C-alpha atoms as a PDB file:
ATOM      1  CA  MET A   1     113.556 101.622 100.108  1.00  0.00           C
ATOM      2  CA  PRO A   2     113.146 103.335 103.505  1.00  0.00           C
ATOM      3  CA  THR A   3     109.632 103.512 104.874  1.00  0.00           C
ATOM      4  CA  SER A   4     110.138 106.575 107.041  1.00  0.00           C
ATOM      5  CA  PRO A   5     112.659 109.273 107.772  1.00  0.00           C
ATOM      6  CA  GLU A   6     113.980 107.854 111.033  1.00  0.00           C
ATOM      7  CA  SER A   7     116.306 110.775 111.636  1.00  0.00           C
ATOM      8  CA  LEU A   8     115.955 113.610 109.202  1.00  0.00           C
ATOM      9  CA  PRO A   9     118.442 116.402 109.813  1.00  0.00           C
ATOM     10  CA  ASP A  10     117.224 119.295 111.915  1.00  0.00           C
ATOM     11  CA  ASN A  11     116.830 121.984 109.289  1.00  0.00           C
ATOM     12  CA  GLN A  12     116.505 124.882 111.675  1.00  0.00           C
ATOM     13  CA  GLU A  13     119.177 127.385 112.581  1.00  0.00           C
ATOM     14  CA  PRO A  14     119.192 129.016 116.025  1.00  0.00           C
ATOM     15  CA  GLY A  15     116.984 132.093 115.956  1.00  0.00           C
ATOM     16  CA  SER A  16     115.063 130.875 112.902  1.00  0.00           C
ATOM     17  CA  ARG A  17     111.452 132.016 112.525  1.00  0.00           C
ATOM     18  CA  ASN A  18     110.398 128.401 112.008  1.00  0.00           C
ATOM     19  CA  PRO A  19     109.718 126.203 115.006  1.00  0.00           C
ATOM     20  CA  LYS A  20     111.884 123.175 115.405  1.00  0.00           C
ATOM     21  CA  ILE A  21     109.951 120.282 113.910  1.00  0.00           C
ATOM     22  CA  THR A  22     110.523 116.651 113.100  1.00  0.00           C
ATOM     23  CA  LEU A  23     109.050 114.429 110.424  1.00  0.00           C
ATOM     24  CA  ARG A  24     108.252 110.947 111.646  1.00  0.00           C
ATOM     25  CA  ALA A  25     106.277 107.856 110.758  1.00  0.00           C
ATOM     26  CA  LEU A  26     102.711 107.410 111.976  1.00  0.00           C
ATOM     27  CA  GLU A  27     102.307 105.818 115.410  1.00  0.00           C
ATOM     28  CA  PRO A  28      99.253 104.149 117.003  1.00  0.00           C
ATOM     29  CA  ASP A  29      99.199 107.049 119.486  1.00  0.00           C
ATOM     30  CA  ASP A  30      98.379 109.414 116.594  1.00  0.00           C
ATOM     31  CA  LEU A  31      94.720 108.313 116.589  1.00  0.00           C
ATOM     32  CA  GLU A  32      93.277 111.410 118.293  1.00  0.00           C
ATOM     33  CA  PHE A  33      95.486 113.751 116.273  1.00  0.00           C
ATOM     34  CA  LEU A  34      94.340 112.135 113.010  1.00  0.00           C
ATOM     35  CA  PHE A  35      90.725 112.205 114.183  1.00  0.00           C
ATOM     36  CA  GLN A  36      90.989 115.976 114.706  1.00  0.00           C
ATOM     37  CA  LEU A  37      92.769 116.527 111.390  1.00  0.00           C
ATOM     38  CA  GLU A  38      90.554 114.319 109.220  1.00  0.00           C
ATOM     39  CA  ASN A  39      87.355 115.780 110.663  1.00  0.00           C
ATOM     40  CA  ASP A  40      88.214 119.441 110.058  1.00  0.00           C
ATOM     41  CA  PRO A  41      85.681 120.606 107.413  1.00  0.00           C
ATOM     42  CA  ASP A  42      88.030 123.415 106.350  1.00  0.00           C
ATOM     43  CA  LEU A  43      90.478 120.792 105.088  1.00  0.00           C
ATOM     44  CA  TRP A  44      87.993 118.677 103.158  1.00  0.00           C
ATOM     45  CA  ALA A  45      88.147 120.931 100.092  1.00  0.00           C
ATOM     46  CA  ALA A  46      91.816 119.995  99.602  1.00  0.00           C
ATOM     47  CA  SER A  47      90.981 116.297  99.426  1.00  0.00           C
ATOM     48  CA  ASP A  48      89.967 114.161  96.464  1.00  0.00           C
ATOM     49  CA  VAL A  49      87.423 112.209  98.502  1.00  0.00           C
ATOM     50  CA  LEU A  50      83.850 113.168  99.222  1.00  0.00           C
ATOM     51  CA  PRO A  51      83.687 115.322 102.346  1.00  0.00           C
ATOM     52  CA  ALA A  52      82.538 113.230 105.275  1.00  0.00           C
ATOM     53  CA  PRO A  53      83.530 112.660 108.877  1.00  0.00           C
ATOM     54  CA  VAL A  54      85.974 109.814 109.525  1.00  0.00           C
ATOM     55  CA  SER A  55      85.424 107.442 112.443  1.00  0.00           C
ATOM     56  CA  ARG A  56      88.013 106.456 115.022  1.00  0.00           C
ATOM     57  CA  HIS A  57      87.484 102.839 113.945  1.00  0.00           C
ATOM     58  CA  ALA A  58      88.397 103.665 110.327  1.00  0.00           C
ATOM     59  CA  LEU A  59      91.460 105.573 111.506  1.00  0.00           C
ATOM     60  CA  ARG A  60      92.532 102.678 113.771  1.00  0.00           C
ATOM     61  CA  GLU A  61      92.395 100.370 110.744  1.00  0.00           C
ATOM     62  CA  TYR A  62      94.326 102.900 108.677  1.00  0.00           C
ATOM     63  CA  LEU A  63      97.027 103.110 111.364  1.00  0.00           C
ATOM     64  CA  ARG A  64      97.295  99.302 111.459  1.00  0.00           C
ATOM     65  CA  HIS A  65      98.308  99.277 107.782  1.00  0.00           C
ATOM     66  CA  ALA A  66     100.250 102.549 107.627  1.00  0.00           C
ATOM     67  CA  ALA A  67     103.670 100.889 107.920  1.00  0.00           C
ATOM     68  CA  ALA A  68     103.706  99.815 104.262  1.00  0.00           C
ATOM     69  CA  SER A  69     106.582 101.334 102.317  1.00  0.00           C
ATOM     70  CA  LEU A  70     106.192 103.999  99.658  1.00  0.00           C
ATOM     71  CA  ALA A  71     107.034 101.366  97.044  1.00  0.00           C
ATOM     72  CA  GLU A  72     104.384  98.941  98.368  1.00  0.00           C
ATOM     73  CA  ALA A  73     101.555 101.391  99.013  1.00  0.00           C
ATOM     74  CA  GLY A  74     102.319 104.100  96.457  1.00  0.00           C
ATOM     75  CA  GLN A  75     101.936 106.647  99.235  1.00  0.00           C
ATOM     76  CA  MET A  76     103.488 107.647 102.543  1.00  0.00           C
ATOM     77  CA  ARG A  77     102.159 109.835 105.333  1.00  0.00           C
ATOM     78  CA  LEU A  78     104.619 111.523 107.669  1.00  0.00           C
ATOM     79  CA  VAL A  79     103.644 113.351 110.841  1.00  0.00           C
ATOM     80  CA  ILE A  80     104.886 116.890 111.405  1.00  0.00           C
ATOM     81  CA  SER A  81     105.631 117.223 115.117  1.00  0.00           C
ATOM     82  CA  LEU A  82     107.067 120.024 117.160  1.00  0.00           C
ATOM     83  CA  LYS A  83     110.414 118.964 118.604  1.00  0.00           C
ATOM     84  CA  ASP A  84     109.600 117.079 121.807  1.00  0.00           C
ATOM     85  CA  GLY A  85     105.986 118.122 121.399  1.00  0.00           C
ATOM     86  CA  PRO A  86     102.651 117.380 119.797  1.00  0.00           C
ATOM     87  CA  ALA A  87     101.801 116.488 116.225  1.00  0.00           C
ATOM     88  CA  VAL A  88     100.727 119.583 114.284  1.00  0.00           C
ATOM     89  CA  GLY A  89     100.269 118.295 110.743  1.00  0.00           C
ATOM     90  CA  THR A  90     100.956 115.722 108.072  1.00  0.00           C
ATOM     91  CA  LEU A  91     103.072 115.604 104.965  1.00  0.00           C
ATOM     92  CA  ASP A  92     101.849 113.143 102.356  1.00  0.00           C
ATOM     93  CA  LEU A  93     103.669 111.627  99.414  1.00  0.00           C
ATOM     94  CA  PHE A  94     101.212 110.030  96.988  1.00  0.00           C
ATOM     95  CA  ASP A  95     100.847 108.890  93.386  1.00  0.00           C
ATOM     96  CA  TYR A  96     104.353 107.432  93.637  1.00  0.00           C
ATOM     97  CA  SER A  97     105.906 106.136  90.414  1.00  0.00           C
ATOM     98  CA  ALA A  98     109.058 104.029  90.765  1.00  0.00           C
ATOM     99  CA  LEU A  99     109.566 104.056  86.996  1.00  0.00           C
ATOM    100  CA  HIS A 100     109.397 107.840  86.671  1.00  0.00           C
ATOM    101  CA  GLN A 101     110.866 108.497  90.139  1.00  0.00           C
ATOM    102  CA  ARG A 102     108.217 111.028  91.127  1.00  0.00           C
ATOM    103  CA  ALA A 103     105.504 111.583  93.691  1.00  0.00           C
ATOM    104  CA  GLY A 104     102.881 114.131  94.572  1.00  0.00           C
ATOM    105  CA  VAL A 105     103.238 116.019  97.837  1.00  0.00           C
ATOM    106  CA  GLY A 106     100.585 117.500 100.107  1.00  0.00           C
ATOM    107  CA  ILE A 107     100.831 119.237 103.465  1.00  0.00           C
ATOM    108  CA  THR A 108      98.128 119.695 106.089  1.00  0.00           C
ATOM    109  CA  VAL A 109      98.608 121.653 109.313  1.00  0.00           C
ATOM    110  CA  LEU A 110      96.165 122.000 112.203  1.00  0.00           C
ATOM    111  CA  ARG A 111      94.497 125.401 112.358  1.00  0.00           C
ATOM    112  CA  GLN A 112      96.198 126.422 115.625  1.00  0.00           C
ATOM    113  CA  ALA A 113      99.667 125.687 114.184  1.00  0.00           C
ATOM    114  CA  ARG A 114      99.273 127.481 110.843  1.00  0.00           C
ATOM    115  CA  ARG A 115     101.372 130.505 109.874  1.00  0.00           C
ATOM    116  CA  GLN A 116     104.149 129.474 112.253  1.00  0.00           C
ATOM    117  CA  GLY A 117     106.520 128.010 109.669  1.00  0.00           C
ATOM    118  CA  CYS A 118     105.711 124.348 110.361  1.00  0.00           C
ATOM    119  CA  ALA A 119     104.862 123.504 106.738  1.00  0.00           C
ATOM    120  CA  GLN A 120     107.914 125.366 105.455  1.00  0.00           C
ATOM    121  CA  ALA A 121     110.216 123.532 107.868  1.00  0.00           C
ATOM    122  CA  ALA A 122     108.619 120.162 107.029  1.00  0.00           C
ATOM    123  CA  LEU A 123     108.994 120.722 103.298  1.00  0.00           C
ATOM    124  CA  ALA A 124     112.625 121.787 103.779  1.00  0.00           C
ATOM    125  CA  GLN A 125     113.296 118.523 105.629  1.00  0.00           C
ATOM    126  CA  LEU A 126     111.437 116.441 103.048  1.00  0.00           C
ATOM    127  CA  LEU A 127     113.399 117.584  99.995  1.00  0.00           C
ATOM    128  CA  PRO A 128     116.800 116.041 100.826  1.00  0.00           C
ATOM    129  CA  TYR A 129     115.060 112.889 102.101  1.00  0.00           C
ATOM    130  CA  ALA A 130     113.070 112.580  98.858  1.00  0.00           C
ATOM    131  CA  ARG A 131     116.193 113.112  96.765  1.00  0.00           C
ATOM    132  CA  GLN A 132     118.698 111.006  98.717  1.00  0.00           C
ATOM    133  CA  ALA A 133     116.801 108.252 100.551  1.00  0.00           C
ATOM    134  CA  LEU A 134     113.785 107.824  98.266  1.00  0.00           C
ATOM    135  CA  ARG A 135     115.807 108.634  95.123  1.00  0.00           C
ATOM    136  CA  LEU A 136     113.009 110.698  93.624  1.00  0.00           C
ATOM    137  CA  HIS A 137     113.722 112.836  90.578  1.00  0.00           C
ATOM    138  CA  GLN A 138     110.761 115.148  91.051  1.00  0.00           C
ATOM    139  CA  LEU A 139     107.857 116.174  93.247  1.00  0.00           C
ATOM    140  CA  TYR A 140     104.656 117.869  92.187  1.00  0.00           C
ATOM    141  CA  CYS A 141     101.626 119.384  93.850  1.00  0.00           C
ATOM    142  CA  THR A 142      98.165 120.618  92.932  1.00  0.00           C
ATOM    143  CA  VAL A 143      97.037 123.728  94.813  1.00  0.00           C
ATOM    144  CA  ALA A 144      93.760 125.656  94.651  1.00  0.00           C
ATOM    145  CA  ALA A 145      94.496 128.794  92.624  1.00  0.00           C
ATOM    146  CA  ASP A 146      93.146 131.013  95.405  1.00  0.00           C
ATOM    147  CA  ASN A 147      95.290 129.359  98.114  1.00  0.00           C
ATOM    148  CA  ARG A 148      98.018 131.992  98.095  1.00  0.00           C
ATOM    149  CA  ALA A 149      99.662 130.703 101.271  1.00  0.00           C
ATOM    150  CA  SER A 150     100.232 127.223  99.789  1.00  0.00           C
ATOM    151  CA  ILE A 151     101.355 128.571  96.423  1.00  0.00           C
ATOM    152  CA  SER A 152     103.864 130.793  98.225  1.00  0.00           C
ATOM    153  CA  LEU A 153     105.018 127.875 100.408  1.00  0.00           C
ATOM    154  CA  PHE A 154     105.812 125.662  97.433  1.00  0.00           C
ATOM    155  CA  LYS A 155     107.266 128.511  95.356  1.00  0.00           C
ATOM    156  CA  ASN A 156     109.641 129.432  98.203  1.00  0.00           C
ATOM    157  CA  ALA A 157     110.740 125.779  98.362  1.00  0.00           C
ATOM    158  CA  GLY A 158     111.740 125.909  94.683  1.00  0.00           C
ATOM    159  CA  PHE A 159     108.606 124.548  93.004  1.00  0.00           C
ATOM    160  CA  ARG A 160     107.706 126.145  89.666  1.00  0.00           C
ATOM    161  CA  ARG A 161     104.218 126.775  88.381  1.00  0.00           C
ATOM    162  CA  VAL A 162     103.751 124.571  85.314  1.00  0.00           C
ATOM    163  CA  GLY A 163     100.071 124.943  84.511  1.00  0.00           C
ATOM    164  CA  ILE A 164      96.488 125.623  85.496  1.00  0.00           C
ATOM    165  CA  ARG A 165      93.601 123.165  85.546  1.00  0.00           C
ATOM    166  CA  HIS A 166      90.353 125.022  85.027  1.00  0.00           C
ATOM    167  CA  ASP A 167      87.287 124.139  87.134  1.00  0.00           C
ATOM    168  CA  TRP A 168      89.352 121.362  88.735  1.00  0.00           C
ATOM    169  CA  LEU A 169      88.215 121.566  92.359  1.00  0.00           C
ATOM    170  CA  ARG A 170      84.616 121.450  93.508  1.00  0.00           C
ATOM    171  CA  GLU A 171      83.670 124.131  96.024  1.00  0.00           C
ATOM    172  CA  ASN A 172      81.940 123.216  99.277  1.00  0.00           C
ATOM    173  CA  THR A 173      79.687 126.203  98.691  1.00  0.00           C
ATOM    174  CA  SER A 174      77.349 127.384  95.975  1.00  0.00           C
ATOM    175  CA  LEU A 175      80.268 129.069  94.182  1.00  0.00           C
ATOM    176  CA  GLY A 176      80.781 125.940  92.108  1.00  0.00           C
ATOM    177  CA  TRP A 177      84.313 125.300  90.864  1.00  0.00           C
ATOM    178  CA  ARG A 178      87.846 126.535  91.458  1.00  0.00           C
ATOM    179  CA  ASN A 179      90.923 126.430  89.289  1.00  0.00           C
ATOM    180  CA  ALA A 180      94.013 124.541  90.449  1.00  0.00           C
ATOM    181  CA  VAL A 181      97.659 125.441  89.946  1.00  0.00           C
ATOM    182  CA  GLU A 182     100.072 122.625  89.094  1.00  0.00           C
ATOM    183  CA  MET A 183     103.572 123.024  90.508  1.00  0.00           C
ATOM    184  CA  GLN A 184     106.682 120.903  90.046  1.00  0.00           C
ATOM    185  CA  LEU A 185     110.178 120.625  91.515  1.00  0.00           C
ATOM    186  CA  ILE A 186     113.006 118.765  89.811  1.00  0.00           C
ATOM    187  CA  LEU A 187     115.242 117.455  92.595  1.00  0.00           C
ATOM    188  CA  GLU A 188     118.839 118.165  91.598  1.00  0.00           C
ATOM    189  CA  ASN A 189     121.588 115.777  92.667  1.00  0.00           C
END
C-alpha cells in the first residue's frame, strides 16, 4: 500500500479561488513548521490529547518514524503545501481499518493560511487518492458542532452528517463541554 501521494493530480483549474496546493509526505525539514502548528493553542481543542506544548526534540523523533505506511501505523500525516512554497497545514488519516476499509480524516491549517481554500483543495486531492491508491471505502470525521467552517468544508466535499455526540469535546474555557458532529463519506468507485 502506498505510504504517500507522490504525485497527486493538481486539482485546481486556472482562475480557481483555491490556491494551488500539493499534498506530500512529511520531510525532516518540516520540523519548524510542525513546531509552529503543534504549539498553536487555538488548535489544541481539536485534538484528543491533553493540551500541552510539544518540544522540538519530540517532533524530531516523530519525524524519524513518520515514514511508516498507513497499514503499519494506522495513521498517515500529509503536509499541505502551496505549490513551490511553504507548508500551510496538515491532513491526517487516522483510525485506519484495513478490514473495514475506512479511516478518519482531520485537517489543520495555519492561522495565516485559513479561509484561502487550502483545506478545500487538500480534501479534493485526498478523495481520489483515498479511493484509488489506498482503496478506502469510506472516510469519516468528528467536528465540533460550533465549527461551522469545518462542517461546511466537509459537507461541500460530499460528507453527510450522520449523528451528534453530546458533551463530546472538553472546552479549554469554563464553558465546559461541546457537542460534536459525526460526518461520513462513502467513496464511490
